[in-house]
Amino acid sequence: MASIPTKVQINEEGPREGFQIEKGNIPTARKIELIDSLSQTGLNRIQIVSFVNPKAVPGMADAEEVVEGFNKKPGISYVGLWLNDKGLKRAIDSGRLEVKGSVSLSASEPFLMRNQNRTQEENIPLQHKTMEMFKANNVAVTRGAVMAAFGCNFAGAISPDTVLATITTAKEIAAAHGFKLEQMMLADTMAWGTPAAVKRLVGAVQDKHPELNICLHLHDTRGMGIANAYAGLEMGVNTFDAAVAGLGGCPFAGHAGAAGNVCTEDLVFMCDEMGIETGINLEALMESARLAEEIVGHPLPGSVMRGGSLRALREQVAAARAA
């Protein structure tokens, strides 16, 4: 087993992951308010919008307005998400985002059909076409992603062998265009992951593709998000996607309940208590979490924003004893 890392990279996805699934209309100005708040927390990578069909995802209809309006802070990578060439062009044309390419595949064909309306056979040539567009726009491709890596509500359990084969395909697609993948994101899109499953799959990927840095994208639908993140840390994983206050979820996953990513401030709290460096100010992040809850107008699943940090309590106790 790999050693627990001393430092981790946390990629914030709340503004995109959260606002894409909210049923009510979130004003553009309030989306920008949350992005600007997150920019003050020490986060260095924030995914702020999706460039997708507004008919399919109405919550992202104002993507260009959001990108135009937020206050860009030096040292932070602001990124977007897209699912096709049209979305990529919108991201490039926005002029204010860092655009990095990736090879995105799904370990589940039924989910791919629901998410992007295409089969695995149709998706491969489209990925090659996207690689050509990346090259034409001088966009580097160093990252791959496997959706539904741990299981699927429509296809059932996904075996590690299926994920390993999908990763091999992603590497081959990239290599055909002169790119070399350095990182592979494993997405628990529909929250089938458990700590044992995380260790099993991460271990299999580390054995088969040791040159790849693994990023875990963990959903918390069944309350396993933080436990799965801990299992990833035990396996040496040092990169995680997360969403402030536990915002969001995948609109194509078929869930009736909350399906957001592992909560950013809960993950930061755990890392802080384990002595793992994140570079993130937990108190500032909790303020952003409370703001996110106010903006959406309903309770969000984050725990630490309510319970507070132990650091603050330790300081209170120390002050009381010194008085």
C-alpha atoms as a PDB file:
ATOM      1  CA  MET A   1       0.000   0.000   0.000  1.00  0.00           C
ATOM      2  CA  ALA A   2       1.260   3.480  -0.847  1.00  0.00           C
ATOM      3  CA  SER A   3       1.916   5.974   1.938  1.00  0.00           C
ATOM      4  CA  ILE A   4      -0.582   8.715   2.756  1.00  0.00           C
ATOM      5  CA  PRO A   5       0.472  11.910   0.909  1.00  0.00           C
ATOM      6  CA  THR A   6       1.734  14.928   2.828  1.00  0.00           C
ATOM      7  CA  LYS A   7       0.081  17.346   0.390  1.00  0.00           C
ATOM      8  CA  VAL A   8      -3.025  17.091  -1.770  1.00  0.00           C
ATOM      9  CA  GLN A   9      -4.549  19.018  -4.657  1.00  0.00           C
ATOM     10  CA  ILE A  10      -8.261  19.765  -4.277  1.00  0.00           C
ATOM     11  CA  ASN A  11     -10.133  20.836  -7.397  1.00  0.00           C
ATOM     12  CA  GLU A  12     -13.268  22.838  -6.579  1.00  0.00           C
ATOM     13  CA  GLU A  13     -16.265  22.030  -8.785  1.00  0.00           C
ATOM     14  CA  GLY A  14     -19.143  23.438  -6.776  1.00  0.00           C
ATOM     15  CA  PRO A  15     -20.137  26.357  -9.031  1.00  0.00           C
ATOM     16  CA  ARG A  16     -20.442  24.052 -12.026  1.00  0.00           C
ATOM     17  CA  GLU A  17     -21.453  20.832 -10.287  1.00  0.00           C
ATOM     18  CA  GLY A  18     -23.986  22.595  -8.096  1.00  0.00           C
ATOM     19  CA  PHE A  19     -25.703  25.142 -10.274  1.00  0.00           C
ATOM     20  CA  GLN A  20     -26.209  22.687 -13.139  1.00  0.00           C
ATOM     21  CA  ILE A  21     -28.661  20.625 -11.104  1.00  0.00           C
ATOM     22  CA  GLU A  22     -30.568  23.196  -9.047  1.00  0.00           C
ATOM     23  CA  LYS A  23     -34.252  23.249 -10.006  1.00  0.00           C
ATOM     24  CA  GLY A  24     -34.778  26.924  -9.286  1.00  0.00           C
ATOM     25  CA  ASN A  25     -33.240  29.729 -11.292  1.00  0.00           C
ATOM     26  CA  ILE A  26     -29.985  30.982  -9.765  1.00  0.00           C
ATOM     27  CA  PRO A  27     -29.284  34.587 -10.820  1.00  0.00           C
ATOM     28  CA  THR A  28     -26.018  35.067 -12.688  1.00  0.00           C
ATOM     29  CA  ALA A  29     -24.830  37.646 -10.168  1.00  0.00           C
ATOM     30  CA  ARG A  30     -25.177  35.150  -7.319  1.00  0.00           C
ATOM     31  CA  LYS A  31     -23.200  32.502  -9.208  1.00  0.00           C
ATOM     32  CA  ILE A  32     -20.450  35.064  -9.660  1.00  0.00           C
ATOM     33  CA  GLU A  33     -20.662  35.962  -5.971  1.00  0.00           C
ATOM     34  CA  LEU A  34     -19.895  32.372  -4.979  1.00  0.00           C
ATOM     35  CA  ILE A  35     -17.007  32.088  -7.452  1.00  0.00           C
ATOM     36  CA  ASP A  36     -15.487  35.305  -6.111  1.00  0.00           C
ATOM     37  CA  SER A  37     -15.902  34.046  -2.542  1.00  0.00           C
ATOM     38  CA  LEU A  38     -14.177  30.760  -3.348  1.00  0.00           C
ATOM     39  CA  SER A  39     -11.335  32.707  -4.938  1.00  0.00           C
ATOM     40  CA  GLN A  40     -10.476  34.067  -1.475  1.00  0.00           C
ATOM     41  CA  THR A  41     -10.060  30.668   0.216  1.00  0.00           C
ATOM     42  CA  GLY A  42      -6.727  29.439  -1.123  1.00  0.00           C
ATOM     43  CA  LEU A  43      -8.269  27.109  -3.701  1.00  0.00           C
ATOM     44  CA  ASN A  44      -6.097  27.135  -6.818  1.00  0.00           C
ATOM     45  CA  ARG A  45      -8.416  25.408  -9.300  1.00  0.00           C
ATOM     46  CA  ILE A  46     -12.119  26.217  -9.623  1.00  0.00           C
ATOM     47  CA  GLN A  47     -14.456  24.800 -12.267  1.00  0.00           C
ATOM     48  CA  ILE A  48     -17.069  27.483 -12.753  1.00  0.00           C
ATOM     49  CA  VAL A  49     -19.369  26.559 -15.676  1.00  0.00           C
ATOM     50  CA  SER A  50     -20.426  23.922 -18.184  1.00  0.00           C
ATOM     51  CA  PHE A  51     -20.635  24.779 -21.868  1.00  0.00           C
ATOM     52  CA  VAL A  52     -23.528  22.462 -22.639  1.00  0.00           C
ATOM     53  CA  ASN A  53     -26.887  22.587 -24.390  1.00  0.00           C
ATOM     54  CA  PRO A  54     -29.134  24.837 -22.251  1.00  0.00           C
ATOM     55  CA  LYS A  55     -32.143  22.728 -23.216  1.00  0.00           C
ATOM     56  CA  ALA A  56     -30.535  19.752 -21.490  1.00  0.00           C
ATOM     57  CA  VAL A  57     -29.001  21.726 -18.596  1.00  0.00           C
ATOM     58  CA  PRO A  58     -30.930  25.013 -18.139  1.00  0.00           C
ATOM     59  CA  GLY A  59     -28.824  25.968 -15.112  1.00  0.00           C
ATOM     60  CA  MET A  60     -25.837  26.553 -17.414  1.00  0.00           C
ATOM     61  CA  ALA A  61     -27.618  28.743 -19.969  1.00  0.00           C
ATOM     62  CA  ASP A  62     -25.716  31.815 -18.727  1.00  0.00           C
ATOM     63  CA  ALA A  63     -22.235  30.261 -18.905  1.00  0.00           C
ATOM     64  CA  GLU A  64     -20.749  33.047 -21.011  1.00  0.00           C
ATOM     65  CA  GLU A  65     -22.174  35.743 -18.717  1.00  0.00           C
ATOM     66  CA  VAL A  66     -20.715  34.027 -15.648  1.00  0.00           C
ATOM     67  CA  VAL A  67     -17.283  33.737 -17.270  1.00  0.00           C
ATOM     68  CA  GLU A  68     -17.363  37.367 -18.307  1.00  0.00           C
ATOM     69  CA  GLY A  69     -18.416  38.607 -14.875  1.00  0.00           C
ATOM     70  CA  PHE A  70     -16.286  36.926 -12.237  1.00  0.00           C
ATOM     71  CA  ASN A  71     -13.212  38.593 -10.752  1.00  0.00           C
ATOM     72  CA  LYS A  72     -10.197  36.672 -11.936  1.00  0.00           C
ATOM     73  CA  LYS A  73      -7.549  36.248  -9.244  1.00  0.00           C
ATOM     74  CA  PRO A  74      -3.916  35.560 -10.165  1.00  0.00           C
ATOM     75  CA  GLY A  75      -2.629  32.121  -9.274  1.00  0.00           C
ATOM     76  CA  ILE A  76      -5.993  30.402  -9.688  1.00  0.00           C
ATOM     77  CA  SER A  77      -6.853  28.167 -12.612  1.00  0.00           C
ATOM     78  CA  TYR A  78     -10.468  28.800 -13.646  1.00  0.00           C
ATOM     79  CA  VAL A  79     -11.817  26.063 -15.888  1.00  0.00           C
ATOM     80  CA  GLY A  80     -15.008  24.942 -17.599  1.00  0.00           C
ATOM     81  CA  LEU A  81     -16.548  21.667 -18.698  1.00  0.00           C
ATOM     82  CA  TRP A  82     -17.750  20.681 -22.162  1.00  0.00           C
ATOM     83  CA  LEU A  83     -19.010  17.495 -23.785  1.00  0.00           C
ATOM     84  CA  ASN A  84     -18.474  18.162 -27.493  1.00  0.00           C
ATOM     85  CA  ASP A  85     -16.693  20.327 -30.058  1.00  0.00           C
ATOM     86  CA  LYS A  86     -19.286  23.094 -29.823  1.00  0.00           C
ATOM     87  CA  GLY A  87     -18.781  23.327 -26.063  1.00  0.00           C
ATOM     88  CA  LEU A  88     -14.999  23.354 -26.462  1.00  0.00           C
ATOM     89  CA  LYS A  89     -15.234  26.234 -28.932  1.00  0.00           C
ATOM     90  CA  ARG A  90     -17.380  28.196 -26.465  1.00  0.00           C
ATOM     91  CA  ALA A  91     -14.786  27.617 -23.739  1.00  0.00           C
ATOM     92  CA  ILE A  92     -11.951  28.791 -25.987  1.00  0.00           C
ATOM     93  CA  ASP A  93     -13.923  31.786 -27.239  1.00  0.00           C
ATOM     94  CA  SER A  94     -14.688  32.915 -23.686  1.00  0.00           C
ATOM     95  CA  GLY A  95     -11.067  34.043 -23.441  1.00  0.00           C
ATOM     96  CA  ARG A  96     -10.963  33.988 -19.627  1.00  0.00           C
ATOM     97  CA  LEU A  97     -10.579  30.301 -18.798  1.00  0.00           C
ATOM     98  CA  GLU A  98      -7.654  27.929 -18.755  1.00  0.00           C
ATOM     99  CA  VAL A  99      -8.501  25.371 -21.422  1.00  0.00           C
ATOM    100  CA  LYS A 100      -6.849  21.992 -21.037  1.00  0.00           C
ATOM    101  CA  GLY A 101      -7.839  18.968 -23.041  1.00  0.00           C
ATOM    102  CA  SER A 102      -8.757  15.510 -21.859  1.00  0.00           C
ATOM    103  CA  VAL A 103      -9.835  12.168 -23.215  1.00  0.00           C
ATOM    104  CA  SER A 104     -13.215  11.473 -21.643  1.00  0.00           C
ATOM    105  CA  LEU A 105     -14.666   7.972 -21.764  1.00  0.00           C
ATOM    106  CA  SER A 106     -17.325   6.069 -19.880  1.00  0.00           C
ATOM    107  CA  ALA A 107     -17.020   2.599 -18.395  1.00  0.00           C
ATOM    108  CA  SER A 108     -20.795   2.272 -18.874  1.00  0.00           C
ATOM    109  CA  GLU A 109     -22.435   2.516 -22.276  1.00  0.00           C
ATOM    110  CA  PRO A 110     -25.971   3.036 -20.874  1.00  0.00           C
ATOM    111  CA  PHE A 111     -24.716   6.050 -18.918  1.00  0.00           C
ATOM    112  CA  LEU A 112     -22.886   7.357 -21.992  1.00  0.00           C
ATOM    113  CA  MET A 113     -26.167   7.200 -23.906  1.00  0.00           C
ATOM    114  CA  ARG A 114     -27.990   9.163 -21.212  1.00  0.00           C
ATOM    115  CA  ASN A 115     -25.193  11.662 -20.710  1.00  0.00           C
ATOM    116  CA  GLN A 116     -24.068  12.285 -24.283  1.00  0.00           C
ATOM    117  CA  ASN A 117     -26.559  10.382 -26.464  1.00  0.00           C
ATOM    118  CA  ARG A 118     -23.948   8.188 -28.104  1.00  0.00           C
ATOM    119  CA  THR A 119     -22.701   4.606 -28.001  1.00  0.00           C
ATOM    120  CA  GLN A 120     -19.168   3.529 -27.138  1.00  0.00           C
ATOM    121  CA  GLU A 121     -18.593   2.795 -30.825  1.00  0.00           C
ATOM    122  CA  GLU A 122     -19.733   6.308 -31.747  1.00  0.00           C
ATOM    123  CA  ASN A 123     -17.748   7.936 -28.969  1.00  0.00           C
ATOM    124  CA  ILE A 124     -14.282   6.742 -30.045  1.00  0.00           C
ATOM    125  CA  PRO A 125     -14.155   8.571 -33.409  1.00  0.00           C
ATOM    126  CA  LEU A 126     -15.620  11.649 -31.736  1.00  0.00           C
ATOM    127  CA  GLN A 127     -12.784  11.581 -29.195  1.00  0.00           C
ATOM    128  CA  HIS A 128     -10.287  11.427 -32.065  1.00  0.00           C
ATOM    129  CA  LYS A 129     -12.039  14.387 -33.680  1.00  0.00           C
ATOM    130  CA  THR A 130     -11.809  16.323 -30.413  1.00  0.00           C
ATOM    131  CA  MET A 131      -8.081  15.565 -30.195  1.00  0.00           C
ATOM    132  CA  GLU A 132      -7.671  17.126 -33.627  1.00  0.00           C
ATOM    133  CA  MET A 133      -9.520  20.218 -32.462  1.00  0.00           C
ATOM    134  CA  PHE A 134      -7.270  20.409 -29.400  1.00  0.00           C
ATOM    135  CA  LYS A 135      -4.212  20.285 -31.639  1.00  0.00           C
ATOM    136  CA  ALA A 136      -5.614  22.930 -33.989  1.00  0.00           C
ATOM    137  CA  ASN A 137      -6.095  25.267 -31.026  1.00  0.00           C
ATOM    138  CA  ASN A 138      -2.752  24.480 -29.334  1.00  0.00           C
ATOM    139  CA  VAL A 139      -4.526  22.890 -26.359  1.00  0.00           C
ATOM    140  CA  ALA A 140      -2.431  20.328 -24.502  1.00  0.00           C
ATOM    141  CA  VAL A 141      -3.953  16.980 -23.509  1.00  0.00           C
ATOM    142  CA  THR A 142      -2.457  15.361 -20.421  1.00  0.00           C
ATOM    143  CA  ARG A 143      -5.579  14.131 -18.611  1.00  0.00           C
ATOM    144  CA  GLY A 144      -7.983  11.281 -19.096  1.00  0.00           C
ATOM    145  CA  ALA A 145     -11.288  10.609 -17.378  1.00  0.00           C
ATOM    146  CA  VAL A 146     -13.426   7.515 -16.868  1.00  0.00           C
ATOM    147  CA  MET A 147     -17.064   8.133 -15.966  1.00  0.00           C
ATOM    148  CA  ALA A 148     -19.041   5.524 -13.995  1.00  0.00           C
ATOM    149  CA  ALA A 149     -15.788   3.886 -12.920  1.00  0.00           C
ATOM    150  CA  PHE A 150     -17.231   2.212  -9.817  1.00  0.00           C
ATOM    151  CA  GLY A 151     -20.711   1.241 -10.964  1.00  0.00           C
ATOM    152  CA  CYS A 152     -23.762   2.412 -12.874  1.00  0.00           C
ATOM    153  CA  ASN A 153     -27.455   2.707 -12.026  1.00  0.00           C
ATOM    154  CA  PHE A 154     -28.267   1.467 -15.545  1.00  0.00           C
ATOM    155  CA  ALA A 155     -25.525  -1.103 -16.216  1.00  0.00           C
ATOM    156  CA  GLY A 156     -24.869  -2.382 -12.704  1.00  0.00           C
ATOM    157  CA  ALA A 157     -21.461  -3.167 -11.265  1.00  0.00           C
ATOM    158  CA  ILE A 158     -18.422  -2.137 -13.306  1.00  0.00           C
ATOM    159  CA  SER A 159     -15.432  -4.453 -13.022  1.00  0.00           C
ATOM    160  CA  PRO A 160     -11.886  -3.135 -12.557  1.00  0.00           C
ATOM    161  CA  ASP A 161     -10.962  -4.941 -15.782  1.00  0.00           C
ATOM    162  CA  THR A 162     -13.500  -2.823 -17.673  1.00  0.00           C
ATOM    163  CA  VAL A 163     -12.014   0.349 -16.213  1.00  0.00           C
ATOM    164  CA  LEU A 164      -8.460  -0.771 -16.990  1.00  0.00           C
ATOM    165  CA  ALA A 165      -9.428  -1.476 -20.601  1.00  0.00           C
ATOM    166  CA  THR A 166     -11.114   1.924 -20.817  1.00  0.00           C
ATOM    167  CA  ILE A 167      -7.947   3.614 -19.541  1.00  0.00           C
ATOM    168  CA  THR A 168      -5.885   1.745 -22.141  1.00  0.00           C
ATOM    169  CA  THR A 169      -8.239   3.010 -24.843  1.00  0.00           C
ATOM    170  CA  ALA A 170      -7.890   6.585 -23.544  1.00  0.00           C
ATOM    171  CA  LYS A 171      -4.098   6.335 -23.648  1.00  0.00           C
ATOM    172  CA  GLU A 172      -4.222   4.968 -27.191  1.00  0.00           C
ATOM    173  CA  ILE A 173      -6.489   7.801 -28.359  1.00  0.00           C
ATOM    174  CA  ALA A 174      -4.145  10.386 -26.870  1.00  0.00           C
ATOM    175  CA  ALA A 175      -1.024   8.718 -28.252  1.00  0.00           C
ATOM    176  CA  ALA A 176      -2.498   8.618 -31.766  1.00  0.00           C
ATOM    177  CA  HIS A 177      -2.373  12.429 -31.736  1.00  0.00           C
ATOM    178  CA  GLY A 178       0.998  12.856 -30.084  1.00  0.00           C
ATOM    179  CA  PHE A 179      -0.299  13.365 -26.548  1.00  0.00           C
ATOM    180  CA  LYS A 180       0.764  11.498 -23.412  1.00  0.00           C
ATOM    181  CA  LEU A 181      -1.634  11.185 -20.502  1.00  0.00           C
ATOM    182  CA  GLU A 182      -0.224  11.982 -17.083  1.00  0.00           C
ATOM    183  CA  GLN A 183      -3.369  11.904 -14.952  1.00  0.00           C
ATOM    184  CA  MET A 184      -6.497   9.738 -14.917  1.00  0.00           C
ATOM    185  CA  MET A 185      -9.665  10.860 -13.188  1.00  0.00           C
ATOM    186  CA  LEU A 186     -11.829   8.028 -11.870  1.00  0.00           C
ATOM    187  CA  ALA A 187     -15.393   9.254 -11.404  1.00  0.00           C
ATOM    188  CA  ASP A 188     -17.826   7.597  -9.030  1.00  0.00           C
ATOM    189  CA  THR A 189     -20.578   9.267 -11.038  1.00  0.00           C
ATOM    190  CA  MET A 190     -23.485   7.377  -9.494  1.00  0.00           C
ATOM    191  CA  ALA A 191     -22.013   6.764  -6.024  1.00  0.00           C
ATOM    192  CA  TRP A 192     -21.429   3.027  -6.203  1.00  0.00           C
ATOM    193  CA  GLY A 193     -18.066   3.416  -4.521  1.00  0.00           C
ATOM    194  CA  THR A 194     -17.192   2.082  -1.083  1.00  0.00           C
ATOM    195  CA  PRO A 195     -13.814   2.244   0.678  1.00  0.00           C
ATOM    196  CA  ALA A 196     -13.102  -1.363  -0.302  1.00  0.00           C
ATOM    197  CA  ALA A 197     -14.057  -0.682  -3.930  1.00  0.00           C
ATOM    198  CA  VAL A 198     -11.886   2.452  -4.005  1.00  0.00           C
ATOM    199  CA  LYS A 199      -8.858   0.539  -2.732  1.00  0.00           C
ATOM    200  CA  ARG A 200      -9.500  -2.306  -5.164  1.00  0.00           C
ATOM    201  CA  LEU A 201      -9.834  -0.107  -8.257  1.00  0.00           C
ATOM    202  CA  VAL A 202      -7.115   2.395  -7.368  1.00  0.00           C
ATOM    203  CA  GLY A 203      -4.745  -0.477  -6.617  1.00  0.00           C
ATOM    204  CA  ALA A 204      -5.556  -2.117  -9.959  1.00  0.00           C
ATOM    205  CA  VAL A 205      -4.919   1.122 -11.852  1.00  0.00           C
ATOM    206  CA  GLN A 206      -1.673   1.751  -9.976  1.00  0.00           C
ATOM    207  CA  ASP A 207      -0.473  -1.746 -10.873  1.00  0.00           C
ATOM    208  CA  LYS A 208      -1.502  -1.597 -14.542  1.00  0.00           C
ATOM    209  CA  HIS A 209      -0.779   2.086 -15.266  1.00  0.00           C
ATOM    210  CA  PRO A 210       1.813   3.171 -12.655  1.00  0.00           C
ATOM    211  CA  GLU A 211       2.788   6.272 -14.636  1.00  0.00           C
ATOM    212  CA  LEU A 212      -0.651   7.852 -14.177  1.00  0.00           C
ATOM    213  CA  ASN A 213      -1.468  10.192 -11.313  1.00  0.00           C
ATOM    214  CA  ILE A 214      -4.961   9.306 -10.090  1.00  0.00           C
ATOM    215  CA  CYS A 215      -7.646  11.891  -9.355  1.00  0.00           C
ATOM    216  CA  LEU A 216     -10.798  10.766  -7.544  1.00  0.00           C
ATOM    217  CA  HIS A 217     -14.161  12.359  -8.327  1.00  0.00           C
ATOM    218  CA  LEU A 218     -16.408  11.047  -5.560  1.00  0.00           C
ATOM    219  CA  HIS A 219     -20.135  11.541  -5.166  1.00  0.00           C
ATOM    220  CA  ASP A 220     -21.718  11.392  -1.732  1.00  0.00           C
ATOM    221  CA  THR A 221     -25.209  10.121  -2.504  1.00  0.00           C
ATOM    222  CA  ARG A 222     -24.909   7.207  -0.067  1.00  0.00           C
ATOM    223  CA  GLY A 223     -22.798   9.041   2.499  1.00  0.00           C
ATOM    224  CA  MET A 224     -19.590   7.323   1.424  1.00  0.00           C
ATOM    225  CA  GLY A 225     -17.832  10.361  -0.047  1.00  0.00           C
ATOM    226  CA  ILE A 226     -15.487  11.241   2.817  1.00  0.00           C
ATOM    227  CA  ALA A 227     -14.855   7.570   3.672  1.00  0.00           C
ATOM    228  CA  ASN A 228     -13.966   6.902   0.043  1.00  0.00           C
ATOM    229  CA  ALA A 229     -11.644   9.918   0.026  1.00  0.00           C
ATOM    230  CA  TYR A 230      -9.898   8.542   3.118  1.00  0.00           C
ATOM    231  CA  ALA A 231      -9.502   5.190   1.381  1.00  0.00           C
ATOM    232  CA  GLY A 232      -7.990   7.032  -1.579  1.00  0.00           C
ATOM    233  CA  LEU A 233      -5.545   8.830   0.720  1.00  0.00           C
ATOM    234  CA  GLU A 234      -4.506   5.482   2.186  1.00  0.00           C
ATOM    235  CA  MET A 235      -3.719   4.361  -1.365  1.00  0.00           C
ATOM    236  CA  GLY A 236      -1.557   7.434  -1.949  1.00  0.00           C
ATOM    237  CA  VAL A 237      -4.052   9.402  -4.064  1.00  0.00           C
ATOM    238  CA  ASN A 238      -3.147  13.087  -3.892  1.00  0.00           C
ATOM    239  CA  THR A 239      -5.747  14.737  -6.170  1.00  0.00           C
ATOM    240  CA  PHE A 240      -9.466  15.049  -5.512  1.00  0.00           C
ATOM    241  CA  ASP A 241     -12.447  16.815  -7.058  1.00  0.00           C
ATOM    242  CA  ALA A 242     -14.837  18.301  -4.497  1.00  0.00           C
ATOM    243  CA  ALA A 243     -17.796  20.676  -4.238  1.00  0.00           C
ATOM    244  CA  VAL A 244     -18.243  23.371  -1.621  1.00  0.00           C
ATOM    245  CA  ALA A 245     -21.023  22.503   0.871  1.00  0.00           C
ATOM    246  CA  GLY A 246     -21.618  19.270  -1.073  1.00  0.00           C
ATOM    247  CA  LEU A 247     -23.321  21.127  -3.925  1.00  0.00           C
ATOM    248  CA  GLY A 248     -24.542  19.415  -7.010  1.00  0.00           C
ATOM    249  CA  GLY A 249     -24.815  16.086  -8.709  1.00  0.00           C
ATOM    250  CA  CYS A 250     -25.076  14.640 -12.189  1.00  0.00           C
ATOM    251  CA  PRO A 251     -28.427  15.439 -13.870  1.00  0.00           C
ATOM    252  CA  PHE A 252     -28.202  12.213 -15.904  1.00  0.00           C
ATOM    253  CA  ALA A 253     -27.436   9.809 -13.043  1.00  0.00           C
ATOM    254  CA  GLY A 254     -31.041   8.894 -12.261  1.00  0.00           C
ATOM    255  CA  HIS A 255     -30.931   9.780  -8.549  1.00  0.00           C
ATOM    256  CA  ALA A 256     -33.916  11.021  -6.583  1.00  0.00           C
ATOM    257  CA  GLY A 257     -31.846  12.307  -3.665  1.00  0.00           C
ATOM    258  CA  ALA A 258     -28.799  14.486  -3.142  1.00  0.00           C
ATOM    259  CA  ALA A 259     -25.957  13.364  -5.353  1.00  0.00           C
ATOM    260  CA  GLY A 260     -23.325  16.022  -4.857  1.00  0.00           C
ATOM    261  CA  ASN A 261     -19.573  15.606  -4.817  1.00  0.00           C
ATOM    262  CA  VAL A 262     -17.679  14.978  -1.615  1.00  0.00           C
ATOM    263  CA  CYS A 263     -17.890  18.221   0.351  1.00  0.00           C
ATOM    264  CA  THR A 264     -14.820  20.437  -0.046  1.00  0.00           C
ATOM    265  CA  GLU A 265     -14.709  21.842   3.480  1.00  0.00           C
ATOM    266  CA  ASP A 266     -15.284  18.398   5.015  1.00  0.00           C
ATOM    267  CA  LEU A 267     -12.391  17.046   2.942  1.00  0.00           C
ATOM    268  CA  VAL A 268     -10.153  19.988   3.895  1.00  0.00           C
ATOM    269  CA  PHE A 269     -11.058  19.504   7.572  1.00  0.00           C
ATOM    270  CA  MET A 270     -10.087  15.830   7.416  1.00  0.00           C
ATOM    271  CA  CYS A 271      -6.810  16.638   5.685  1.00  0.00           C
ATOM    272  CA  ASP A 272      -6.028  19.377   8.218  1.00  0.00           C
ATOM    273  CA  GLU A 273      -6.599  16.975  11.104  1.00  0.00           C
ATOM    274  CA  MET A 274      -4.364  14.383   9.407  1.00  0.00           C
ATOM    275  CA  GLY A 275      -1.563  16.897   8.923  1.00  0.00           C
ATOM    276  CA  ILE A 276      -1.985  16.882   5.144  1.00  0.00           C
ATOM    277  CA  GLU A 277      -1.343  20.224   3.467  1.00  0.00           C
ATOM    278  CA  THR A 278      -4.073  21.627   1.193  1.00  0.00           C
ATOM    279  CA  GLY A 279      -3.181  25.311   0.973  1.00  0.00           C
ATOM    280  CA  ILE A 280      -6.827  26.134   1.757  1.00  0.00           C
ATOM    281  CA  ASN A 281      -8.130  28.332   4.580  1.00  0.00           C
ATOM    282  CA  LEU A 282     -10.854  26.243   6.209  1.00  0.00           C
ATOM    283  CA  GLU A 283     -12.560  29.165   7.983  1.00  0.00           C
ATOM    284  CA  ALA A 284     -12.841  31.118   4.709  1.00  0.00           C
ATOM    285  CA  LEU A 285     -14.082  28.015   2.929  1.00  0.00           C
ATOM    286  CA  MET A 286     -16.811  27.490   5.526  1.00  0.00           C
ATOM    287  CA  GLU A 287     -17.997  31.034   4.856  1.00  0.00           C
ATOM    288  CA  SER A 288     -18.221  30.181   1.145  1.00  0.00           C
ATOM    289  CA  ALA A 289     -20.169  27.033   2.040  1.00  0.00           C
ATOM    290  CA  ARG A 290     -22.700  29.022   4.036  1.00  0.00           C
ATOM    291  CA  LEU A 291     -22.987  31.457   1.145  1.00  0.00           C
ATOM    292  CA  ALA A 292     -23.649  28.572  -1.250  1.00  0.00           C
ATOM    293  CA  GLU A 293     -26.464  27.339   0.993  1.00  0.00           C
ATOM    294  CA  GLU A 294     -27.976  30.811   1.143  1.00  0.00           C
ATOM    295  CA  ILE A 295     -27.818  31.161  -2.650  1.00  0.00           C
ATOM    296  CA  VAL A 296     -29.588  27.878  -3.420  1.00  0.00           C
ATOM    297  CA  GLY A 297     -32.139  28.506  -0.665  1.00  0.00           C
ATOM    298  CA  HIS A 298     -32.209  25.047   0.871  1.00  0.00           C
ATOM    299  CA  PRO A 299     -30.023  22.943   3.192  1.00  0.00           C
ATOM    300  CA  LEU A 300     -26.847  21.480   1.732  1.00  0.00           C
ATOM    301  CA  PRO A 301     -25.175  18.329   3.069  1.00  0.00           C
ATOM    302  CA  GLY A 302     -21.868  19.792   4.266  1.00  0.00           C
ATOM    303  CA  SER A 303     -21.158  19.017   7.933  1.00  0.00           C
ATOM    304  CA  VAL A 304     -18.143  21.110   8.925  1.00  0.00           C
ATOM    305  CA  MET A 305     -19.785  24.410   7.970  1.00  0.00           C
ATOM    306  CA  ARG A 306     -22.256  23.695  10.788  1.00  0.00           C
ATOM    307  CA  GLY A 307     -20.034  21.949  13.315  1.00  0.00           C
ATOM    308  CA  GLY A 308     -17.095  24.299  12.814  1.00  0.00           C
ATOM    309  CA  SER A 309     -13.402  23.508  12.860  1.00  0.00           C
ATOM    310  CA  LEU A 310     -11.633  21.922  15.806  1.00  0.00           C
ATOM    311  CA  ARG A 311      -8.885  24.503  15.443  1.00  0.00           C
ATOM    312  CA  ALA A 312     -11.287  27.251  16.505  1.00  0.00           C
ATOM    313  CA  LEU A 313     -12.498  25.205  19.475  1.00  0.00           C
ATOM    314  CA  ARG A 314      -8.942  24.410  20.534  1.00  0.00           C
ATOM    315  CA  GLU A 315      -8.139  28.135  20.459  1.00  0.00           C
ATOM    316  CA  GLN A 316     -11.235  28.908  22.551  1.00  0.00           C
ATOM    317  CA  VAL A 317     -10.308  26.296  25.139  1.00  0.00           C
ATOM    318  CA  ALA A 318      -6.696  27.516  25.267  1.00  0.00           C
ATOM    319  CA  ALA A 319      -7.866  31.122  25.709  1.00  0.00           C
ATOM    320  CA  ALA A 320     -10.262  30.122  28.493  1.00  0.00           C
ATOM    321  CA  ARG A 321      -7.519  28.234  30.339  1.00  0.00           C
ATOM    322  CA  ALA A 322      -5.119  31.166  30.006  1.00  0.00           C
ATOM    323  CA  ALA A 323      -7.662  33.656  31.357  1.00  0.00           C
END
